[in-house]
Amino acid sequence: ENLEETVNRLVADVATHEDALGFAAETFEGFKEEMKLMREQMAESM
């Protein structure tokens, strides 16, 4: 295949990975918030 096709495929791969990483980061942020709320609730019930 020619260089242009290779470059286009690499760009598409990077975009896909960035979407996946962004989603993972958002999920992780949500998870941290959940953990914080759980810890606060546990502290209150002590």
N, C-alpha and C. Protein backbone atom coordinates (compact mmCIF):
# COMPACT_ATOMS: atom_id res chain seq x y z
N GLU A 1 0.85 -1.19 0.00
CA GLU A 1 0.00 0.00 0.00
C GLU A 1 0.88 1.23 0.00
N ASN A 2 0.33 2.36 -0.42
CA ASN A 2 1.16 3.56 -0.51
C ASN A 2 1.20 4.30 0.82
N LEU A 3 2.06 5.28 0.89
CA LEU A 3 2.29 6.01 2.13
C LEU A 3 1.03 6.71 2.62
N GLU A 4 0.28 7.30 1.69
CA GLU A 4 -0.91 8.05 2.09
C GLU A 4 -1.92 7.14 2.80
N GLU A 5 -2.11 5.93 2.28
CA GLU A 5 -3.04 5.00 2.91
C GLU A 5 -2.56 4.63 4.31
N THR A 6 -1.26 4.42 4.45
CA THR A 6 -0.70 4.07 5.75
C THR A 6 -0.92 5.20 6.75
N VAL A 7 -0.64 6.42 6.33
CA VAL A 7 -0.81 7.57 7.22
C VAL A 7 -2.28 7.72 7.62
N ASN A 8 -3.18 7.58 6.66
CA ASN A 8 -4.61 7.71 6.96
C ASN A 8 -5.05 6.66 7.98
N ARG A 9 -4.51 5.44 7.84
CA ARG A 9 -4.89 4.38 8.78
C ARG A 9 -4.36 4.69 10.17
N LEU A 10 -3.13 5.18 10.24
CA LEU A 10 -2.55 5.54 11.54
C LEU A 10 -3.37 6.64 12.22
N VAL A 11 -3.76 7.64 11.45
CA VAL A 11 -4.56 8.74 12.01
C VAL A 11 -5.88 8.20 12.55
N ALA A 12 -6.51 7.30 11.80
CA ALA A 12 -7.78 6.72 12.24
C ALA A 12 -7.57 5.91 13.52
N ASP A 13 -6.47 5.15 13.60
CA ASP A 13 -6.18 4.37 14.80
C ASP A 13 -6.00 5.27 16.01
N VAL A 14 -5.27 6.35 15.85
CA VAL A 14 -5.02 7.27 16.96
C VAL A 14 -6.33 7.88 17.44
N ALA A 15 -7.20 8.28 16.51
CA ALA A 15 -8.49 8.86 16.89
C ALA A 15 -9.30 7.86 17.69
N THR A 16 -9.27 6.59 17.27
CA THR A 16 -10.01 5.55 17.98
C THR A 16 -9.48 5.39 19.40
N HIS A 17 -8.16 5.36 19.53
CA HIS A 17 -7.56 5.21 20.86
C HIS A 17 -7.86 6.41 21.75
N GLU A 18 -7.85 7.61 21.18
CA GLU A 18 -8.15 8.80 21.97
C GLU A 18 -9.58 8.74 22.50
N ASP A 19 -10.52 8.28 21.67
CA ASP A 19 -11.90 8.13 22.12
C ASP A 19 -11.97 7.15 23.28
N ALA A 20 -11.28 6.02 23.14
CA ALA A 20 -11.31 5.00 24.19
C ALA A 20 -10.69 5.53 25.48
N LEU A 21 -9.57 6.25 25.35
CA LEU A 21 -8.91 6.80 26.54
C LEU A 21 -9.78 7.84 27.21
N GLY A 22 -10.43 8.69 26.43
CA GLY A 22 -11.31 9.70 26.99
C GLY A 22 -12.45 9.06 27.76
N PHE A 23 -13.02 8.00 27.18
CA PHE A 23 -14.11 7.30 27.85
C PHE A 23 -13.63 6.66 29.15
N ALA A 24 -12.44 6.05 29.12
CA ALA A 24 -11.89 5.42 30.32
C ALA A 24 -11.63 6.45 31.41
N ALA A 25 -11.12 7.62 31.02
CA ALA A 25 -10.83 8.67 32.00
C ALA A 25 -12.13 9.16 32.64
N GLU A 26 -13.18 9.35 31.84
CA GLU A 26 -14.47 9.80 32.38
C GLU A 26 -15.03 8.75 33.33
N THR A 27 -14.92 7.48 32.94
CA THR A 27 -15.43 6.39 33.78
C THR A 27 -14.68 6.37 35.10
N PHE A 28 -13.36 6.56 35.04
CA PHE A 28 -12.54 6.55 36.25
C PHE A 28 -12.90 7.71 37.16
N GLU A 29 -13.13 8.89 36.59
CA GLU A 29 -13.54 10.04 37.40
C GLU A 29 -14.85 9.74 38.12
N GLY A 30 -15.80 9.16 37.40
CA GLY A 30 -17.07 8.80 38.00
C GLY A 30 -16.88 7.79 39.13
N PHE A 31 -15.99 6.84 38.91
CA PHE A 31 -15.71 5.82 39.92
C PHE A 31 -15.12 6.45 41.17
N LYS A 32 -14.20 7.40 40.99
CA LYS A 32 -13.60 8.08 42.15
C LYS A 32 -14.67 8.83 42.95
N GLU A 33 -15.60 9.49 42.24
CA GLU A 33 -16.68 10.20 42.92
C GLU A 33 -17.53 9.23 43.73
N GLU A 34 -17.86 8.08 43.14
CA GLU A 34 -18.66 7.08 43.84
C GLU A 34 -17.95 6.62 45.12
N MET A 35 -16.64 6.38 45.01
CA MET A 35 -15.88 5.92 46.17
C MET A 35 -15.88 6.98 47.26
N LYS A 36 -15.76 8.23 46.86
CA LYS A 36 -15.74 9.32 47.84
C LYS A 36 -17.08 9.37 48.59
N LEU A 37 -18.17 9.26 47.84
CA LEU A 37 -19.49 9.28 48.47
C LEU A 37 -19.66 8.10 49.41
N MET A 38 -19.20 6.92 49.01
CA MET A 38 -19.33 5.74 49.87
C MET A 38 -18.55 5.94 51.16
N ARG A 39 -17.34 6.47 51.05
CA ARG A 39 -16.52 6.69 52.26
C ARG A 39 -17.20 7.69 53.19
N GLU A 40 -17.79 8.75 52.62
CA GLU A 40 -18.48 9.74 53.45
C GLU A 40 -19.67 9.11 54.15
N GLN A 41 -20.43 8.28 53.44
CA GLN A 41 -21.59 7.62 54.05
C GLN A 41 -21.15 6.67 55.15
N MET A 42 -20.06 5.95 54.93
CA MET A 42 -19.56 5.03 55.95
C MET A 42 -19.11 5.80 57.19
N ALA A 43 -18.44 6.92 56.98
CA ALA A 43 -17.96 7.73 58.10
C ALA A 43 -19.14 8.25 58.91
N GLU A 44 -20.21 8.65 58.22
CA GLU A 44 -21.39 9.17 58.92
C GLU A 44 -22.08 8.08 59.74
N SER A 45 -22.05 6.84 59.25
CA SER A 45 -22.77 5.77 59.94
C SER A 45 -21.96 5.19 61.10
N MET A 46 -20.72 5.57 61.23
CA MET A 46 -19.88 5.07 62.33
C MET A 46 -20.33 5.67 63.66
